[in-house]
C-alpha atoms as a PDB file:
ATOM      1  CA  MET A   1      -9.004 -17.161 -60.482  1.00  0.00           C
ATOM      2  CA  ARG A   2      -7.678 -19.123 -57.441  1.00  0.00           C
ATOM      3  CA  SER A   3      -4.713 -17.626 -55.601  1.00  0.00           C
ATOM      4  CA  GLN A   4      -2.230 -20.843 -54.271  1.00  0.00           C
ATOM      5  CA  CYS A   5      -0.563 -21.384 -50.921  1.00  0.00           C
ATOM      6  CA  PRO A   6       3.484 -20.881 -51.496  1.00  0.00           C
ATOM      7  CA  ASP A   7       4.732 -23.331 -49.159  1.00  0.00           C
ATOM      8  CA  CYS A   8       2.678 -26.031 -50.162  1.00  0.00           C
ATOM      9  CA  GLY A   9       0.470 -25.882 -53.055  1.00  0.00           C
ATOM     10  CA  LYS A  10      -2.849 -25.564 -52.071  1.00  0.00           C
ATOM     11  CA  LEU A  11      -5.538 -23.744 -53.997  1.00  0.00           C
ATOM     12  CA  TYR A  12      -7.878 -20.520 -52.232  1.00  0.00           C
ATOM     13  CA  PRO A  13     -10.826 -19.418 -54.660  1.00  0.00           C
ATOM     14  CA  VAL A  14      -9.938 -15.476 -55.182  1.00  0.00           C
ATOM     15  CA  THR A  15     -12.754 -12.387 -54.703  1.00  0.00           C
ATOM     16  CA  LYS A  16     -12.405  -9.053 -56.795  1.00  0.00           C
ATOM     17  CA  LYS A  17     -13.276  -7.670 -53.493  1.00  0.00           C
ATOM     18  CA  GLN A  18      -9.999  -9.864 -52.044  1.00  0.00           C
ATOM     19  CA  LEU A  19      -7.767  -8.456 -55.090  1.00  0.00           C
ATOM     20  CA  ARG A  20      -9.171  -5.157 -54.410  1.00  0.00           C
ATOM     21  CA  ALA A  21      -6.840  -4.940 -50.940  1.00  0.00           C
ATOM     22  CA  PRO A  22      -3.362  -5.661 -52.317  1.00  0.00           C
ATOM     23  CA  LYS A  23      -2.606  -7.100 -48.878  1.00  0.00           C
ATOM     24  CA  THR A  24      -5.315  -9.015 -48.412  1.00  0.00           C
ATOM     25  CA  GLN A  25      -3.247 -12.150 -46.021  1.00  0.00           C
ATOM     26  CA  VAL A  26      -5.102 -15.621 -45.369  1.00  0.00           C
ATOM     27  CA  TYR A  27      -3.722 -18.555 -43.552  1.00  0.00           C
ATOM     28  CA  CYS A  28      -3.648 -21.436 -45.231  1.00  0.00           C
ATOM     29  CA  THR A  29      -5.389 -23.891 -43.324  1.00  0.00           C
ATOM     30  CA  GLN A  30      -3.201 -27.025 -45.040  1.00  0.00           C
ATOM     31  CA  CYS A  31       0.332 -25.836 -43.816  1.00  0.00           C
ATOM     32  CA  LYS A  32      -0.705 -22.758 -41.442  1.00  0.00           C
ATOM     33  CA  LYS A  33       1.676 -20.263 -43.144  1.00  0.00           C
ATOM     34  CA  LYS A  34       0.742 -16.644 -43.982  1.00  0.00           C
ATOM     35  CA  PHE A  35       0.447 -15.643 -47.691  1.00  0.00           C
ATOM     36  CA  ILE A  36      -0.100 -12.326 -49.325  1.00  0.00           C
ATOM     37  CA  VAL A  37      -3.521 -13.773 -52.039  1.00  0.00           C
ATOM     38  CA  ALA A  38      -2.669 -10.705 -54.810  1.00  0.00           C
ATOM     39  CA  GLU A  39       1.015 -12.666 -55.170  1.00  0.00           C
ATOM     40  CA  ILE A  40       0.814 -16.126 -56.739  1.00  0.00           C
ATOM     41  CA  LEU A  41      -2.402 -15.955 -58.255  1.00  0.00           C
ATOM     42  CA  VAL A  42      -3.617 -19.134 -61.018  1.00  0.00           C
ATOM     43  CA  GLU A  43      -6.059 -18.937 -63.565  1.00  0.00           C
ATOM     44  CA  LYS A  44      -8.209 -22.747 -64.300  1.00  0.00           C
ATOM     45  CA  THR A  45      -6.684 -23.936 -66.664  1.00  0.00           C
ATOM     46  CA  ALA A  46      -3.910 -26.666 -67.111  1.00  0.00           C
ATOM     47  CA  LYS A  47      -1.663 -25.830 -64.237  1.00  0.00           C
ATOM     48  CA  THR A  48      -4.726 -25.708 -62.326  1.00  0.00           C
ATOM     49  CA  ALA A  49      -5.325 -29.290 -62.520  1.00  0.00           C
ATOM     50  CA  GLU A  50      -1.227 -29.521 -62.336  1.00  0.00           C
ATOM     51  CA  ALA A  51      -1.035 -28.100 -58.259  1.00  0.00           C
ATOM     52  CA  ASN A  52      -3.882 -30.332 -57.693  1.00  0.00           C
ATOM     53  CA  ALA A  53      -1.916 -33.204 -58.406  1.00  0.00           C
ATOM     54  CA  PHE A  54       1.034 -32.055 -56.972  1.00  0.00           C
ATOM     55  CA  ASN A  55      -1.416 -31.267 -53.192  1.00  0.00           C
ATOM     56  CA  GLN A  56      -2.000 -34.878 -53.855  1.00  0.00           C
ATOM     57  CA  LYS A  57       1.362 -35.898 -53.900  1.00  0.00           C
ATOM     58  CA  LYS A  58       1.777 -33.648 -51.050  1.00  0.00           C
ATOM     59  CA  LYS A  59      -0.743 -35.492 -48.673  1.00  0.00           C
END
């Protein structure tokens, strides 16, 4: 499972420990936006490939 930055779409791996704390926040290393990990979760599927393509277009 991964979390996705709501601003730029960069994906980050999520651990079970991070999901246990519902308000765990991270800073996106790409756009510097702060977001809650559990708010935008992405499974490793075709959607992940779409998100990766989105990230490549933004660079």
